[in-house]
C-alpha cells in the first residue's frame, strides 16, 4: 500500500504521513473512505503499531483524517478555504526561500530545474 524507505533520515511516521496525504490529495483515498486499522497496517508494513498511531494522530491534527471511536479512521472532507490559507502561507515561505537562494547565488536555471524535478516527482506519485 505505502512504500517506506527504512534507510531514510525522515522518520517512518513522517514518511507515512506524507504518503497518506499524497493519496488523499491525489484522490486515491476518497472522502469518508476508511483507512486500514493500526494493527493491520502495522502487520502489512512490518512496523510498530505506535508508529502508525503517531502518523494517524498527526494526520488527524492536520485535518486530513478523522476518527470514530470503535469504528476506525476515515478520510476527511477537504476544506478548500483551509487549503487556500495553507497555499498563501506556502507561497510566502517559498518567496522567502527563493529570495535567499538567489541572494546566495542560485541561478534562475537551477531553480527552474528543481521545479521541473518536483513536478515530475509529483506527477509520478512518489
PDB file of N, CA and C in Angstrom:
ATOM      1  N   UNK A   1       0.823  -1.196   0.000  1.00  0.00           N
ATOM      2  CA  UNK A   1       0.000   0.000   0.000  1.00  0.00           C
ATOM      3  C   UNK A   1       0.868   1.262   0.000  1.00  0.00           C
ATOM      4  N   UNK A   2       1.810   1.348   0.940  1.00  0.00           N
ATOM      5  CA  UNK A   2       2.701   2.506   1.018  1.00  0.00           C
ATOM      6  C   UNK A   2       4.139   2.014   1.031  1.00  0.00           C
ATOM      7  N   UNK A   3       4.982   2.602   0.195  1.00  0.00           N
ATOM      8  CA  UNK A   3       6.391   2.247   0.175  1.00  0.00           C
ATOM      9  C   UNK A   3       7.154   3.203   1.073  1.00  0.00           C
ATOM     10  N   UNK A   4       7.764   2.659   2.121  1.00  0.00           N
ATOM     11  CA  UNK A   4       8.527   3.461   3.060  1.00  0.00           C
ATOM     12  C   UNK A   4      10.003   3.123   2.921  1.00  0.00           C
ATOM     13  N   UNK A   5      10.849   4.124   3.048  1.00  0.00           N
ATOM     14  CA  UNK A   5      12.293   3.936   2.962  1.00  0.00           C
ATOM     15  C   UNK A   5      12.844   3.860   4.375  1.00  0.00           C
ATOM     16  N   UNK A   6      13.162   2.643   4.808  1.00  0.00           N
ATOM     17  CA  UNK A   6      13.637   2.440   6.171  1.00  0.00           C
ATOM     18  C   UNK A   6      15.030   3.014   6.402  1.00  0.00           C
ATOM     19  N   UNK A   7      15.749   3.350   5.323  1.00  0.00           N
ATOM     20  CA  UNK A   7      17.076   3.942   5.457  1.00  0.00           C
ATOM     21  C   UNK A   7      17.062   5.466   5.368  1.00  0.00           C
ATOM     22  N   UNK A   8      15.899   6.026   5.147  1.00  0.00           N
ATOM     23  CA  UNK A   8      15.775   7.481   5.022  1.00  0.00           C
ATOM     24  C   UNK A   8      16.027   8.160   6.357  1.00  0.00           C
ATOM     25  N   UNK A   9      16.498   9.392   6.301  1.00  0.00           N
ATOM     26  CA  UNK A   9      16.678  10.181   7.512  1.00  0.00           C
ATOM     27  C   UNK A   9      15.340  10.672   8.054  1.00  0.00           C
ATOM     28  N   UNK A  10      14.336  10.695   7.201  1.00  0.00           N
ATOM     29  CA  UNK A  10      12.999  11.127   7.602  1.00  0.00           C
ATOM     30  C   UNK A  10      12.368  10.019   8.432  1.00  0.00           C
ATOM     31  N   UNK A  11      11.859  10.340   9.626  1.00  0.00           N
ATOM     32  CA  UNK A  11      11.248   9.305  10.459  1.00  0.00           C
ATOM     33  C   UNK A  11      10.126   8.572   9.725  1.00  0.00           C
ATOM     34  N   UNK A  12       9.948   7.311  10.079  1.00  0.00           N
ATOM     35  CA  UNK A  12       8.964   6.466   9.404  1.00  0.00           C
ATOM     36  C   UNK A  12       7.562   7.062   9.502  1.00  0.00           C
ATOM     37  N   UNK A  13       7.200   7.583  10.678  1.00  0.00           N
ATOM     38  CA  UNK A  13       5.839   8.114  10.816  1.00  0.00           C
ATOM     39  C   UNK A  13       5.633   9.312   9.896  1.00  0.00           C
ATOM     40  N   UNK A  14       6.677  10.140   9.713  1.00  0.00           N
ATOM     41  CA  UNK A  14       6.558  11.291   8.807  1.00  0.00           C
ATOM     42  C   UNK A  14       6.433  10.829   7.363  1.00  0.00           C
ATOM     43  N   UNK A  15       7.161   9.783   6.990  1.00  0.00           N
ATOM     44  CA  UNK A  15       7.030   9.228   5.641  1.00  0.00           C
ATOM     45  C   UNK A  15       5.607   8.730   5.421  1.00  0.00           C
ATOM     46  N   UNK A  16       5.068   8.056   6.419  1.00  0.00           N
ATOM     47  CA  UNK A  16       3.708   7.538   6.321  1.00  0.00           C
ATOM     48  C   UNK A  16       2.692   8.673   6.209  1.00  0.00           C
ATOM     49  N   UNK A  17       2.886   9.726   6.997  1.00  0.00           N
ATOM     50  CA  UNK A  17       2.013  10.901   6.932  1.00  0.00           C
ATOM     51  C   UNK A  17       2.024  11.463   5.511  1.00  0.00           C
ATOM     52  N   UNK A  18       3.215  11.637   4.942  1.00  0.00           N
ATOM     53  CA  UNK A  18       3.339  12.202   3.597  1.00  0.00           C
ATOM     54  C   UNK A  18       2.692  11.305   2.545  1.00  0.00           C
ATOM     55  N   UNK A  19       2.888   9.988   2.657  1.00  0.00           N
ATOM     56  CA  UNK A  19       2.294   9.061   1.685  1.00  0.00           C
ATOM     57  C   UNK A  19       0.770   9.097   1.742  1.00  0.00           C
ATOM     58  N   UNK A  20       0.229   9.126   2.950  1.00  0.00           N
ATOM     59  CA  UNK A  20      -1.225   9.160   3.081  1.00  0.00           C
ATOM     60  C   UNK A  20      -1.769  10.499   2.581  1.00  0.00           C
ATOM     61  N   UNK A  21      -1.093  11.601   2.909  1.00  0.00           N
ATOM     62  CA  UNK A  21      -1.525  12.914   2.418  1.00  0.00           C
ATOM     63  C   UNK A  21      -1.524  12.943   0.893  1.00  0.00           C
ATOM     64  N   UNK A  22      -0.473  12.398   0.268  1.00  0.00           N
ATOM     65  CA  UNK A  22      -0.406  12.340  -1.196  1.00  0.00           C
ATOM     66  C   UNK A  22      -1.591  11.551  -1.755  1.00  0.00           C
ATOM     67  N   UNK A  23      -1.903  10.422  -1.114  1.00  0.00           N
ATOM     68  CA  UNK A  23      -3.015   9.595  -1.576  1.00  0.00           C
ATOM     69  C   UNK A  23      -4.345  10.336  -1.462  1.00  0.00           C
ATOM     70  N   UNK A  24      -4.492  11.126  -0.410  1.00  0.00           N
ATOM     71  CA  UNK A  24      -5.725  11.899  -0.229  1.00  0.00           C
ATOM     72  C   UNK A  24      -5.791  13.030  -1.243  1.00  0.00           C
ATOM     73  N   UNK A  25      -4.698  13.761  -1.406  1.00  0.00           N
ATOM     74  CA  UNK A  25      -4.663  14.896  -2.333  1.00  0.00           C
ATOM     75  C   UNK A  25      -4.877  14.430  -3.770  1.00  0.00           C
ATOM     76  N   UNK A  26      -4.272  13.290  -4.130  1.00  0.00           N
ATOM     77  CA  UNK A  26      -4.418  12.757  -5.491  1.00  0.00           C
ATOM     78  C   UNK A  26      -5.691  11.931  -5.658  1.00  0.00           C
ATOM     79  N   UNK A  27      -6.544  11.940  -4.625  1.00  0.00           N
ATOM     80  CA  UNK A  27      -7.838  11.264  -4.623  1.00  0.00           C
ATOM     81  C   UNK A  27      -7.753   9.758  -4.846  1.00  0.00           C
ATOM     82  N   UNK A  28      -6.621   9.168  -4.444  1.00  0.00           N
ATOM     83  CA  UNK A  28      -6.524   7.714  -4.414  1.00  0.00           C
ATOM     84  C   UNK A  28      -7.380   7.232  -3.245  1.00  0.00           C
ATOM     85  N   UNK A  29      -7.296   7.972  -2.135  1.00  0.00           N
ATOM     86  CA  UNK A  29      -8.179   7.744  -0.988  1.00  0.00           C
ATOM     87  C   UNK A  29      -9.280   8.793  -1.056  1.00  0.00           C
ATOM     88  N   UNK A  30     -10.512   8.362  -1.062  1.00  0.00           N
ATOM     89  CA  UNK A  30     -11.657   9.256  -1.218  1.00  0.00           C
ATOM     90  C   UNK A  30     -12.206   9.709   0.130  1.00  0.00           C
ATOM     91  N   UNK A  31     -12.943  10.810   0.125  1.00  0.00           N
ATOM     92  CA  UNK A  31     -13.595  11.331   1.323  1.00  0.00           C
ATOM     93  C   UNK A  31     -14.446  10.248   1.968  1.00  0.00           C
ATOM     94  N   UNK A  32     -14.342  10.124   3.272  1.00  0.00           N
ATOM     95  CA  UNK A  32     -15.067   9.164   4.109  1.00  0.00           C
ATOM     96  C   UNK A  32     -14.647   7.711   3.900  1.00  0.00           C
ATOM     97  N   UNK A  33     -13.589   7.477   3.128  1.00  0.00           N
ATOM     98  CA  UNK A  33     -13.071   6.118   2.970  1.00  0.00           C
ATOM     99  C   UNK A  33     -12.319   5.719   4.235  1.00  0.00           C
ATOM    100  N   UNK A  34     -12.512   4.502   4.675  1.00  0.00           N
ATOM    101  CA  UNK A  34     -11.856   4.040   5.897  1.00  0.00           C
ATOM    102  C   UNK A  34     -10.412   3.652   5.617  1.00  0.00           C
ATOM    103  N   UNK A  35      -9.535   4.103   6.505  1.00  0.00           N
ATOM    104  CA  UNK A  35      -8.130   3.723   6.422  1.00  0.00           C
ATOM    105  C   UNK A  35      -7.946   2.361   7.084  1.00  0.00           C
ATOM    106  N   UNK A  36      -6.876   1.657   6.731  1.00  0.00           N
ATOM    107  CA  UNK A  36      -6.627   0.376   7.404  1.00  0.00           C
ATOM    108  C   UNK A  36      -6.439   0.592   8.901  1.00  0.00           C
ATOM    109  N   UNK A  37      -6.837  -0.398   9.689  1.00  0.00           N
ATOM    110  CA  UNK A  37      -6.654  -0.272  11.135  1.00  0.00           C
ATOM    111  C   UNK A  37      -5.162  -0.219  11.448  1.00  0.00           C
ATOM    112  N   UNK A  38      -4.848   0.311  12.612  1.00  0.00           N
ATOM    113  CA  UNK A  38      -3.455   0.421  13.047  1.00  0.00           C
ATOM    114  C   UNK A  38      -2.811  -0.962  13.036  1.00  0.00           C
ATOM    115  N   UNK A  39      -3.514  -1.937  13.572  1.00  0.00           N
ATOM    116  CA  UNK A  39      -2.955  -3.294  13.676  1.00  0.00           C
ATOM    117  C   UNK A  39      -2.686  -3.889  12.289  1.00  0.00           C
ATOM    118  N   UNK A  40      -3.642  -3.764  11.383  1.00  0.00           N
ATOM    119  CA  UNK A  40      -3.487  -4.338  10.034  1.00  0.00           C
ATOM    120  C   UNK A  40      -2.354  -3.643   9.277  1.00  0.00           C
ATOM    121  N   UNK A  41      -2.327  -2.302   9.315  1.00  0.00           N
ATOM    122  CA  UNK A  41      -1.279  -1.570   8.609  1.00  0.00           C
ATOM    123  C   UNK A  41       0.086  -1.873   9.206  1.00  0.00           C
ATOM    124  N   UNK A  42       0.128  -2.036  10.504  1.00  0.00           N
ATOM    125  CA  UNK A  42       1.376  -2.386  11.182  1.00  0.00           C
ATOM    126  C   UNK A  42       1.889  -3.735  10.686  1.00  0.00           C
ATOM    127  N   UNK A  43       0.993  -4.692  10.540  1.00  0.00           N
ATOM    128  CA  UNK A  43       1.383  -6.012  10.040  1.00  0.00           C
ATOM    129  C   UNK A  43       1.815  -5.952   8.581  1.00  0.00           C
ATOM    130  N   UNK A  44       1.097  -5.173   7.771  1.00  0.00           N
ATOM    131  CA  UNK A  44       1.432  -5.060   6.345  1.00  0.00           C
ATOM    132  C   UNK A  44       2.797  -4.420   6.127  1.00  0.00           C
ATOM    133  N   UNK A  45       3.074  -3.371   6.898  1.00  0.00           N
ATOM    134  CA  UNK A  45       4.322  -2.631   6.722  1.00  0.00           C
ATOM    135  C   UNK A  45       5.447  -3.146   7.621  1.00  0.00           C
ATOM    136  N   UNK A  46       5.120  -4.074   8.497  1.00  0.00           N
ATOM    137  CA  UNK A  46       6.042  -4.617   9.494  1.00  0.00           C
ATOM    138  C   UNK A  46       6.756  -3.518  10.282  1.00  0.00           C
ATOM    139  N   UNK A  47       5.946  -2.609  10.811  1.00  0.00           N
ATOM    140  CA  UNK A  47       6.468  -1.564  11.689  1.00  0.00           C
ATOM    141  C   UNK A  47       5.620  -1.505  12.957  1.00  0.00           C
ATOM    142  N   UNK A  48       6.149  -0.873  13.957  1.00  0.00           N
ATOM    143  CA  UNK A  48       5.500  -0.799  15.262  1.00  0.00           C
ATOM    144  C   UNK A  48       4.133  -0.114  15.172  1.00  0.00           C
ATOM    145  N   UNK A  49       3.110  -0.672  15.812  1.00  0.00           N
ATOM    146  CA  UNK A  49       1.781  -0.046  15.801  1.00  0.00           C
ATOM    147  C   UNK A  49       1.785   1.378  16.364  1.00  0.00           C
ATOM    148  N   UNK A  50       2.687   1.661  17.306  1.00  0.00           N
ATOM    149  CA  UNK A  50       2.776   3.020  17.858  1.00  0.00           C
ATOM    150  C   UNK A  50       3.174   4.033  16.785  1.00  0.00           C
ATOM    151  N   UNK A  51       3.976   3.588  15.824  1.00  0.00           N
ATOM    152  CA  UNK A  51       4.391   4.459  14.717  1.00  0.00           C
ATOM    153  C   UNK A  51       3.187   4.799  13.846  1.00  0.00           C
ATOM    154  N   UNK A  52       2.361   3.807  13.561  1.00  0.00           N
ATOM    155  CA  UNK A  52       1.145   4.029  12.764  1.00  0.00           C
ATOM    156  C   UNK A  52       0.215   4.974  13.517  1.00  0.00           C
ATOM    157  N   UNK A  53       0.040   4.713  14.812  1.00  0.00           N
ATOM    158  CA  UNK A  53      -0.841   5.543  15.639  1.00  0.00           C
ATOM    159  C   UNK A  53      -0.370   6.991  15.646  1.00  0.00           C
ATOM    160  N   UNK A  54       0.943   7.189  15.737  1.00  0.00           N
ATOM    161  CA  UNK A  54       1.504   8.540  15.737  1.00  0.00           C
ATOM    162  C   UNK A  54       1.216   9.244  14.404  1.00  0.00           C
ATOM    163  N   UNK A  55       1.356   8.514  13.307  1.00  0.00           N
ATOM    164  CA  UNK A  55       1.073   9.079  11.981  1.00  0.00           C
ATOM    165  C   UNK A  55      -0.404   9.443  11.864  1.00  0.00           C
ATOM    166  N   UNK A  56      -1.287   8.563  12.329  1.00  0.00           N
ATOM    167  CA  UNK A  56      -2.720   8.832  12.275  1.00  0.00           C
ATOM    168  C   UNK A  56      -3.081  10.048  13.124  1.00  0.00           C
ATOM    169  N   UNK A  57      -2.468  10.159  14.303  1.00  0.00           N
ATOM    170  CA  UNK A  57      -2.735  11.334  15.158  1.00  0.00           C
ATOM    171  C   UNK A  57      -2.311  12.622  14.461  1.00  0.00           C
ATOM    172  N   UNK A  58      -1.157  12.590  13.805  1.00  0.00           N
ATOM    173  CA  UNK A  58      -0.668  13.773  13.100  1.00  0.00           C
ATOM    174  C   UNK A  58      -1.588  14.125  11.932  1.00  0.00           C
ATOM    175  N   UNK A  59      -2.030  13.136  11.186  1.00  0.00           N
ATOM    176  CA  UNK A  59      -2.953  13.385  10.078  1.00  0.00           C
ATOM    177  C   UNK A  59      -4.273  13.958  10.571  1.00  0.00           C
ATOM    178  N   UNK A  60      -4.726  13.472  11.724  1.00  0.00           N
ATOM    179  CA  UNK A  60      -5.962  13.995  12.300  1.00  0.00           C
ATOM    180  C   UNK A  60      -5.761  15.434  12.757  1.00  0.00           C
ATOM    181  N   UNK A  61      -4.612  15.711  13.350  1.00  0.00           N
ATOM    182  CA  UNK A  61      -4.309  17.074  13.800  1.00  0.00           C
ATOM    183  C   UNK A  61      -4.281  18.040  12.609  1.00  0.00           C
ATOM    184  N   UNK A  62      -3.769  17.563  11.479  1.00  0.00           N
ATOM    185  CA  UNK A  62      -3.685  18.404  10.285  1.00  0.00           C
ATOM    186  C   UNK A  62      -5.003  18.474   9.518  1.00  0.00           C
ATOM    187  N   UNK A  63      -5.983  17.669   9.913  1.00  0.00           N
ATOM    188  CA  UNK A  63      -7.300  17.725   9.284  1.00  0.00           C
ATOM    189  C   UNK A  63      -7.484  16.833   8.076  1.00  0.00           C
ATOM    190  N   UNK A  64      -6.562  15.908   7.846  1.00  0.00           N
ATOM    191  CA  UNK A  64      -6.691  15.026   6.688  1.00  0.00           C
ATOM    192  C   UNK A  64      -7.568  13.815   6.974  1.00  0.00           C
ATOM    193  N   UNK A  65      -7.632  13.401   8.243  1.00  0.00           N
ATOM    194  CA  UNK A  65      -8.467  12.264   8.604  1.00  0.00           C
ATOM    195  C   UNK A  65      -9.249  12.587   9.877  1.00  0.00           C
ATOM    196  N   UNK A  66     -10.242  11.769  10.154  1.00  0.00           N
ATOM    197  CA  UNK A  66     -10.972  11.871  11.412  1.00  0.00           C
ATOM    198  C   UNK A  66     -11.184  10.459  11.942  1.00  0.00           C
ATOM    199  N   UNK A  67     -11.354  10.356  13.256  1.00  0.00           N
ATOM    200  CA  UNK A  67     -11.535   9.054  13.888  1.00  0.00           C
ATOM    201  C   UNK A  67     -12.915   8.948  14.515  1.00  0.00           C
ATOM    202  N   UNK A  68     -13.471   7.767  14.434  1.00  0.00           N
ATOM    203  CA  UNK A  68     -14.723   7.452  15.121  1.00  0.00           C
ATOM    204  C   UNK A  68     -14.414   6.326  16.098  1.00  0.00           C
ATOM    205  N   UNK A  69     -14.598   6.586  17.390  1.00  0.00           N
ATOM    206  CA  UNK A  69     -14.278   5.561  18.388  1.00  0.00           C
ATOM    207  C   UNK A  69     -14.981   4.232  18.083  1.00  0.00           C
ATOM    208  N   UNK A  70     -14.194   3.170  18.086  1.00  0.00           N
ATOM    209  CA  UNK A  70     -14.728   1.848  17.835  1.00  0.00           C
ATOM    210  C   UNK A  70     -14.932   1.517  16.369  1.00  0.00           C
ATOM    211  N   UNK A  71     -14.778   2.497  15.488  1.00  0.00           N
ATOM    212  CA  UNK A  71     -15.006   2.275  14.049  1.00  0.00           C
ATOM    213  C   UNK A  71     -13.726   2.404  13.234  1.00  0.00           C
ATOM    214  N   UNK A  72     -12.827   3.311  13.615  1.00  0.00           N
ATOM    215  CA  UNK A  72     -11.574   3.480  12.888  1.00  0.00           C
ATOM    216  C   UNK A  72     -11.352   4.904  12.420  1.00  0.00           C
ATOM    217  N   UNK A  73     -10.408   5.037  11.490  1.00  0.00           N
ATOM    218  CA  UNK A  73     -10.036   6.341  10.937  1.00  0.00           C
ATOM    219  C   UNK A  73     -10.515   6.437   9.497  1.00  0.00           C
ATOM    220  N   UNK A  74     -10.962   7.649   9.131  1.00  0.00           N
ATOM    221  CA  UNK A  74     -11.546   7.879   7.812  1.00  0.00           C
ATOM    222  C   UNK A  74     -10.961   9.146   7.194  1.00  0.00           C
ATOM    223  N   UNK A  75     -10.998   9.214   5.860  1.00  0.00           N
ATOM    224  CA  UNK A  75     -10.514  10.395   5.142  1.00  0.00           C
ATOM    225  C   UNK A  75     -11.496  11.538   5.343  1.00  0.00           C
ATOM    226  N   UNK A  76     -10.982  12.685   5.755  1.00  0.00           N
ATOM    227  CA  UNK A  76     -11.819  13.858   5.999  1.00  0.00           C
ATOM    228  C   UNK A  76     -12.118  14.584   4.687  1.00  0.00           C
ATOM    229  N   UNK A  77     -13.190  15.336   4.709  1.00  0.00           N
ATOM    230  CA  UNK A  77     -13.549  16.175   3.563  1.00  0.00           C
ATOM    231  C   UNK A  77     -12.529  17.308   3.473  1.00  0.00           C
ATOM    232  N   UNK A  78     -12.090  17.598   2.263  1.00  0.00           N
ATOM    233  CA  UNK A  78     -11.106  18.656   2.066  1.00  0.00           C
ATOM    234  C   UNK A  78     -11.802  20.006   2.182  1.00  0.00           C
ATOM    235  N   UNK A  79     -11.289  20.833   3.063  1.00  0.00           N
ATOM    236  CA  UNK A  79     -11.814  22.181   3.266  1.00  0.00           C
ATOM    237  C   UNK A  79     -11.011  23.132   2.372  1.00  0.00           C
ATOM    238  N   UNK A  80     -11.633  23.562   1.279  1.00  0.00           N
ATOM    239  CA  UNK A  80     -10.916  24.389   0.306  1.00  0.00           C
ATOM    240  C   UNK A  80     -10.509  25.744   0.890  1.00  0.00           C
ATOM    241  N   UNK A  81     -11.272  26.261   1.836  1.00  0.00           N
ATOM    242  CA  UNK A  81     -10.897  27.524   2.486  1.00  0.00           C
ATOM    243  C   UNK A  81      -9.583  27.347   3.244  1.00  0.00           C
ATOM    244  N   UNK A  82      -9.481  26.231   3.980  1.00  0.00           N
ATOM    245  CA  UNK A  82      -8.241  25.936   4.700  1.00  0.00           C
ATOM    246  C   UNK A  82      -7.086  25.757   3.726  1.00  0.00           C
ATOM    247  N   UNK A  83      -7.352  25.082   2.598  1.00  0.00           N
ATOM    248  CA  UNK A  83      -6.310  24.876   1.593  1.00  0.00           C
ATOM    249  C   UNK A  83      -5.813  26.205   1.050  1.00  0.00           C
ATOM    250  N   UNK A  84      -6.717  27.143   0.816  1.00  0.00           N
ATOM    251  CA  UNK A  84      -6.311  28.449   0.313  1.00  0.00           C
ATOM    252  C   UNK A  84      -5.416  29.174   1.312  1.00  0.00           C
ATOM    253  N   UNK A  85      -5.744  29.038   2.601  1.00  0.00           N
ATOM    254  CA  UNK A  85      -4.912  29.661   3.639  1.00  0.00           C
ATOM    255  C   UNK A  85      -3.533  29.014   3.679  1.00  0.00           C
ATOM    256  N   UNK A  86      -3.496  27.692   3.583  1.00  0.00           N
ATOM    257  CA  UNK A  86      -2.221  26.976   3.581  1.00  0.00           C
ATOM    258  C   UNK A  86      -1.388  27.362   2.363  1.00  0.00           C
ATOM    259  N   UNK A  87      -2.065  27.460   1.205  1.00  0.00           N
ATOM    260  CA  UNK A  87      -1.352  27.838  -0.016  1.00  0.00           C
ATOM    261  C   UNK A  87      -0.759  29.238   0.088  1.00  0.00           C
ATOM    262  N   UNK A  88      -1.499  30.153   0.676  1.00  0.00           N
ATOM    263  CA  UNK A  88      -0.992  31.517   0.856  1.00  0.00           C
ATOM    264  C   UNK A  88       0.260  31.502   1.736  1.00  0.00           C
ATOM    265  N   UNK A  89       0.226  30.728   2.804  1.00  0.00           N
ATOM    266  CA  UNK A  89       1.382  30.624   3.707  1.00  0.00           C
ATOM    267  C   UNK A  89       2.562  29.973   2.995  1.00  0.00           C
ATOM    268  N   UNK A  90       2.287  28.925   2.215  1.00  0.00           N
ATOM    269  CA  UNK A  90       3.355  28.264   1.465  1.00  0.00           C
ATOM    270  C   UNK A  90       3.990  29.210   0.441  1.00  0.00           C
ATOM    271  N   UNK A  91       3.166  30.025  -0.208  1.00  0.00           N
ATOM    272  CA  UNK A  91       3.695  30.994  -1.173  1.00  0.00           C
ATOM    273  C   UNK A  91       4.619  31.986  -0.483  1.00  0.00           C
ATOM    274  N   UNK A  92       4.220  32.460   0.685  1.00  0.00           N
ATOM    275  CA  UNK A  92       5.075  33.372   1.463  1.00  0.00           C
ATOM    276  C   UNK A  92       6.413  32.718   1.774  1.00  0.00           C
ATOM    277  N   UNK A  93       6.344  31.487   2.275  1.00  0.00           N
ATOM    278  CA  UNK A  93       7.560  30.758   2.630  1.00  0.00           C
ATOM    279  C   UNK A  93       8.441  30.518   1.408  1.00  0.00           C
ATOM    280  N   UNK A  94       7.803  30.179   0.304  1.00  0.00           N
ATOM    281  CA  UNK A  94       8.542  29.916  -0.926  1.00  0.00           C
ATOM    282  C   UNK A  94       9.256  31.170  -1.425  1.00  0.00           C
ATOM    283  N   UNK A  95       8.592  32.307  -1.336  1.00  0.00           N
ATOM    284  CA  UNK A  95       9.214  33.575  -1.740  1.00  0.00           C
ATOM    285  C   UNK A  95      10.457  33.852  -0.885  1.00  0.00           C
ATOM    286  N   UNK A  96      10.334  33.623   0.419  1.00  0.00           N
ATOM    287  CA  UNK A  96      11.481  33.836   1.311  1.00  0.00           C
ATOM    288  C   UNK A  96      12.632  32.902   0.958  1.00  0.00           C
ATOM    289  N   UNK A  97      12.317  31.631   0.747  1.00  0.00           N
ATOM    290  CA  UNK A  97      13.355  30.642   0.446  1.00  0.00           C
ATOM    291  C   UNK A  97      14.020  30.940  -0.894  1.00  0.00           C
ATOM    292  N   UNK A  98      13.216  31.240  -1.908  1.00  0.00           N
ATOM    293  CA  UNK A  98      13.775  31.544  -3.230  1.00  0.00           C
ATOM    294  C   UNK A  98      14.605  32.826  -3.205  1.00  0.00           C
ATOM    295  N   UNK A  99      14.161  33.813  -2.447  1.00  0.00           N
ATOM    296  CA  UNK A  99      14.926  35.056  -2.322  1.00  0.00           C
ATOM    297  C   UNK A  99      16.284  34.777  -1.710  1.00  0.00           C
ATOM    298  N   UNK A 100      16.300  33.967  -0.656  1.00  0.00           N
ATOM    299  CA  UNK A 100      17.567  33.631  -0.007  1.00  0.00           C
ATOM    300  C   UNK A 100      18.471  32.831  -0.939  1.00  0.00           C
ATOM    301  N   UNK A 101      17.882  31.879  -1.677  1.00  0.00           N
ATOM    302  CA  UNK A 101      18.666  31.067  -2.611  1.00  0.00           C
ATOM    303  C   UNK A 101      19.298  31.938  -3.692  1.00  0.00           C
ATOM    304  N   UNK A 102      18.532  32.888  -4.223  1.00  0.00           N
ATOM    305  CA  UNK A 102      19.065  33.776  -5.256  1.00  0.00           C
ATOM    306  C   UNK A 102      20.133  34.703  -4.677  1.00  0.00           C
ATOM    307  N   UNK A 103      19.909  35.166  -3.464  1.00  0.00           N
ATOM    308  CA  UNK A 103      20.893  36.023  -2.797  1.00  0.00           C
ATOM    309  C   UNK A 103      22.210  35.272  -2.615  1.00  0.00           C
ATOM    310  N   UNK A 104      22.119  33.974  -2.331  1.00  0.00           N
ATOM    311  CA  UNK A 104      23.321  33.162  -2.125  1.00  0.00           C
ATOM    312  C   UNK A 104      23.949  32.695  -3.435  1.00  0.00           C
ATOM    313  N   UNK A 105      23.335  33.061  -4.565  1.00  0.00           N
ATOM    314  CA  UNK A 105      23.957  32.783  -5.851  1.00  0.00           C
ATOM    315  C   UNK A 105      23.294  31.730  -6.713  1.00  0.00           C
ATOM    316  N   UNK A 106      22.170  31.191  -6.295  1.00  0.00           N
ATOM    317  CA  UNK A 106      21.494  30.199  -7.127  1.00  0.00           C
ATOM    318  C   UNK A 106      20.924  30.893  -8.363  1.00  0.00           C
ATOM    319  N   UNK A 107      21.144  30.274  -9.498  1.00  0.00           N
ATOM    320  CA  UNK A 107      20.702  30.842 -10.770  1.00  0.00           C
ATOM    321  C   UNK A 107      19.263  30.430 -11.084  1.00  0.00           C
ATOM    322  N   UNK A 108      18.619  31.241 -11.914  1.00  0.00           N
ATOM    323  CA  UNK A 108      17.247  31.003 -12.355  1.00  0.00           C
ATOM    324  C   UNK A 108      17.102  29.604 -12.945  1.00  0.00           C
ATOM    325  N   UNK A 109      18.076  29.184 -13.749  1.00  0.00           N
ATOM    326  CA  UNK A 109      18.014  27.879 -14.396  1.00  0.00           C
ATOM    327  C   UNK A 109      18.024  26.749 -13.366  1.00  0.00           C
ATOM    328  N   UNK A 110      18.803  26.916 -12.306  1.00  0.00           N
ATOM    329  CA  UNK A 110      18.857  25.902 -11.255  1.00  0.00           C
ATOM    330  C   UNK A 110      17.508  25.792 -10.541  1.00  0.00           C
ATOM    331  N   UNK A 111      16.908  26.936 -10.269  1.00  0.00           N
ATOM    332  CA  UNK A 111      15.596  26.945  -9.607  1.00  0.00           C
ATOM    333  C   UNK A 111      14.561  26.277 -10.499  1.00  0.00           C
ATOM    334  N   UNK A 112      14.574  26.591 -11.772  1.00  0.00           N
ATOM    335  CA  UNK A 112      13.615  26.001 -12.705  1.00  0.00           C
ATOM    336  C   UNK A 112      13.828  24.484 -12.834  1.00  0.00           C
ATOM    337  N   UNK A 113      15.089  24.044 -12.784  1.00  0.00           N
ATOM    338  CA  UNK A 113      15.382  22.607 -12.841  1.00  0.00           C
ATOM    339  C   UNK A 113      14.804  21.897 -11.618  1.00  0.00           C
ATOM    340  N   UNK A 114      14.910  22.533 -10.461  1.00  0.00           N
ATOM    341  CA  UNK A 114      14.354  21.954  -9.234  1.00  0.00           C
ATOM    342  C   UNK A 114      12.835  21.879  -9.334  1.00  0.00           C
ATOM    343  N   UNK A 115      12.226  22.937  -9.848  1.00  0.00           N
ATOM    344  CA  UNK A 115      10.765  22.947 -10.012  1.00  0.00           C
ATOM    345  C   UNK A 115      10.338  21.829 -10.957  1.00  0.00           C
ATOM    346  N   UNK A 116      11.064  21.642 -12.061  1.00  0.00           N
ATOM    347  CA  UNK A 116      10.747  20.568 -13.008  1.00  0.00           C
ATOM    348  C   UNK A 116      10.884  19.199 -12.356  1.00  0.00           C
ATOM    349  N   UNK A 117      11.920  19.041 -11.543  1.00  0.00           N
ATOM    350  CA  UNK A 117      12.146  17.775 -10.835  1.00  0.00           C
ATOM    351  C   UNK A 117      10.995  17.479  -9.878  1.00  0.00           C
ATOM    352  N   UNK A 118      10.583  18.483  -9.114  1.00  0.00           N
ATOM    353  CA  UNK A 118       9.479  18.309  -8.176  1.00  0.00           C
ATOM    354  C   UNK A 118       8.191  17.992  -8.926  1.00  0.00           C
ATOM    355  N   UNK A 119       7.952  18.703 -10.021  1.00  0.00           N
ATOM    356  CA  UNK A 119       6.739  18.497 -10.800  1.00  0.00           C
ATOM    357  C   UNK A 119       6.661  17.072 -11.344  1.00  0.00           C
ATOM    358  N   UNK A 120       7.773  16.551 -11.847  1.00  0.00           N
ATOM    359  CA  UNK A 120       7.747  15.176 -12.382  1.00  0.00           C
ATOM    360  C   UNK A 120       7.584  14.163 -11.258  1.00  0.00           C
ATOM    361  N   UNK A 121       8.163  14.424 -10.105  1.00  0.00           N
ATOM    362  CA  UNK A 121       8.008  13.530  -8.954  1.00  0.00           C
ATOM    363  C   UNK A 121       6.551  13.485  -8.501  1.00  0.00           C
ATOM    364  N   UNK A 122       5.904  14.637  -8.432  1.00  0.00           N
ATOM    365  CA  UNK A 122       4.504  14.706  -8.006  1.00  0.00           C
ATOM    366  C   UNK A 122       3.611  13.990  -9.014  1.00  0.00           C
ATOM    367  N   UNK A 123       3.881  14.154 -10.282  1.00  0.00           N
ATOM    368  CA  UNK A 123       3.060  13.500 -11.317  1.00  0.00           C
ATOM    369  C   UNK A 123       3.150  11.979 -11.246  1.00  0.00           C
ATOM    370  N   UNK A 124       4.340  11.476 -10.874  1.00  0.00           N
ATOM    371  CA  UNK A 124       4.518  10.022 -10.760  1.00  0.00           C
ATOM    372  C   UNK A 124       3.949   9.499  -9.450  1.00  0.00           C
ATOM    373  N   UNK A 125       3.614  10.404  -8.533  1.00  0.00           N
ATOM    374  CA  UNK A 125       3.048   9.985  -7.264  1.00  0.00           C
ATOM    375  C   UNK A 125       4.067   9.476  -6.271  1.00  0.00           C
ATOM    376  N   UNK A 126       5.309   9.927  -6.401  1.00  0.00           N
ATOM    377  CA  UNK A 126       6.366   9.471  -5.478  1.00  0.00           C
ATOM    378  C   UNK A 126       6.330  10.237  -4.195  1.00  0.00           C
TER     379      UNK A 126
END
